[in-house]
Amino acid sequence: MLERRLLGLLGLGVRAGNAIIGVDRVRDAVVRGKIRLAVVAPDVSRHSLDKIVPLLTARHVQMIEGPTGASLGAAVGRDSTAVVGITNPALARGVRKLFEGTDAAPAARPRLSVR
């Protein structure tokens, strides 16, 4: 249920232009200070994770370990994706709120270690 709601919000965010898909695009947006929250798929390649997780941690961007890369990709119109970056503050608050008061809250901590 929680995963389905998260994927629904991410899909809406991408269609509205409030979220960015993919490692390279999210990296560029993080450097510019545009990302409010990142949803990272834990099952993608180590190379992809090594490209994005240290940058998100260094820039103090909150991360949520999300569903699989295939599920995340399907929600945003791709085959698979490693990360979705949320640029809209209201959408980021809405996604964070999904994890408040649930058993999933530890996964929403600011510096999620995916290693």
Protein backbone atom coordinates (compact mmCIF):
# COMPACT_ATOMS: atom_id res chain seq x y z
CA MET A 1 0.00 0.00 0.00
CA LEU A 2 2.75 2.45 0.97
CA GLU A 3 4.80 1.56 -2.10
CA ARG A 4 1.82 2.02 -4.40
CA ARG A 5 1.10 5.47 -2.95
CA LEU A 6 4.77 6.46 -3.28
CA LEU A 7 4.89 5.33 -6.91
CA GLY A 8 1.66 7.19 -7.63
CA LEU A 9 3.03 10.43 -6.21
CA LEU A 10 6.27 10.05 -8.14
CA GLY A 11 4.39 9.42 -11.38
CA LEU A 12 2.27 12.51 -10.84
CA GLY A 13 5.37 14.52 -9.98
CA VAL A 14 7.15 13.55 -13.18
CA ARG A 15 4.10 14.32 -15.33
CA ALA A 16 3.78 17.73 -13.64
CA GLY A 17 7.46 18.54 -14.13
CA ASN A 18 8.20 18.40 -10.40
CA ALA A 19 10.57 15.43 -10.49
CA ILE A 20 13.66 14.41 -12.45
CA ILE A 21 14.49 10.89 -13.61
CA GLY A 22 17.90 9.23 -13.88
CA VAL A 23 21.33 9.42 -12.32
CA ASP A 24 22.89 12.02 -14.64
CA ARG A 25 19.95 14.42 -14.61
CA VAL A 26 19.52 14.12 -10.84
CA ARG A 27 23.27 14.69 -10.32
CA ASP A 28 23.11 17.92 -12.35
CA ALA A 29 20.07 19.11 -10.41
CA VAL A 30 21.72 18.29 -7.05
CA VAL A 31 24.76 20.36 -8.00
CA ARG A 32 22.46 23.27 -8.87
CA GLY A 33 20.60 22.88 -5.54
CA LYS A 34 17.25 21.96 -7.11
CA ILE A 35 16.59 18.55 -5.51
CA ARG A 36 14.53 18.48 -2.29
CA LEU A 37 14.31 14.68 -1.90
CA ALA A 38 15.63 11.66 -3.79
CA VAL A 39 14.09 8.21 -4.07
CA VAL A 40 16.82 5.64 -4.73
CA ALA A 41 16.24 2.09 -5.97
CA PRO A 42 18.36 -0.28 -3.85
CA ASP A 43 18.68 -3.00 -6.49
CA VAL A 44 20.41 -1.06 -9.27
CA SER A 45 24.06 -1.42 -10.21
CA ARG A 46 26.76 -0.49 -7.72
CA HIS A 47 28.17 1.90 -10.34
CA SER A 48 24.91 3.88 -10.47
CA LEU A 49 24.67 4.03 -6.69
CA ASP A 50 28.30 5.13 -6.39
CA LYS A 51 27.59 8.01 -8.78
CA ILE A 52 24.60 9.41 -6.91
CA VAL A 53 24.57 8.42 -3.22
CA PRO A 54 27.85 10.16 -2.18
CA LEU A 55 26.76 13.38 -3.90
CA LEU A 56 23.35 13.33 -2.23
CA THR A 57 25.00 12.71 1.13
CA ALA A 58 27.58 15.46 0.64
CA ARG A 59 24.89 17.97 -0.34
CA HIS A 60 22.63 16.88 2.58
CA VAL A 61 19.78 15.89 0.31
CA GLN A 62 17.40 13.52 2.07
CA MET A 63 17.11 10.08 0.47
CA ILE A 64 14.49 7.40 0.70
CA GLU A 65 15.30 3.85 -0.24
CA GLY A 66 12.48 3.15 -2.59
CA PRO A 67 11.11 0.19 -4.48
CA THR A 68 13.01 -1.77 -7.13
CA GLY A 69 14.44 -0.03 -10.17
CA ALA A 70 11.86 -1.72 -12.39
CA SER A 71 8.93 -0.58 -10.21
CA LEU A 72 10.34 2.92 -9.91
CA GLY A 73 10.90 3.08 -13.66
CA ALA A 74 7.41 1.82 -14.45
CA ALA A 75 5.88 4.53 -12.25
CA VAL A 76 7.70 7.28 -14.13
CA GLY A 77 7.40 5.93 -17.66
CA ARG A 78 10.72 4.11 -18.04
CA ASP A 79 11.80 0.48 -18.14
CA SER A 80 13.97 0.96 -15.06
CA THR A 81 15.58 3.82 -13.19
CA ALA A 82 18.04 4.15 -10.33
CA VAL A 83 16.84 7.43 -8.86
CA VAL A 84 14.04 9.98 -9.03
CA GLY A 85 14.79 13.44 -7.70
CA ILE A 86 11.92 15.59 -6.46
CA THR A 87 12.28 19.31 -7.12
CA ASN A 88 8.98 20.58 -5.74
CA PRO A 89 8.99 21.27 -1.97
CA ALA A 90 5.29 20.41 -1.55
CA LEU A 91 5.69 17.07 -3.33
CA ALA A 92 8.77 16.30 -1.23
CA ARG A 93 6.77 17.02 1.95
CA GLY A 94 3.98 14.76 0.72
CA VAL A 95 6.39 11.88 0.09
CA ARG A 96 8.06 12.36 3.49
CA LYS A 97 4.64 12.40 5.13
CA LEU A 98 3.92 8.93 3.73
CA PHE A 99 6.77 7.60 5.85
CA GLU A 100 5.94 9.44 9.08
CA GLY A 101 4.32 7.25 11.70
CA THR A 102 4.88 4.03 9.76
CA ASP A 103 7.34 1.19 10.10
CA ALA A 104 9.07 2.57 7.00
CA ALA A 105 10.20 5.75 8.78
CA PRO A 106 13.80 4.55 9.38
CA ALA A 107 14.24 4.31 5.60
CA ALA A 108 13.44 8.03 5.34
CA ARG A 109 16.39 9.23 7.40
CA PRO A 110 18.45 12.05 5.88
CA ARG A 111 21.65 10.14 5.13
CA LEU A 112 20.52 6.71 4.09
CA SER A 113 23.43 4.34 3.68
CA VAL A 114 22.78 2.11 0.71
CA ARG A 115 26.11 0.32 0.89
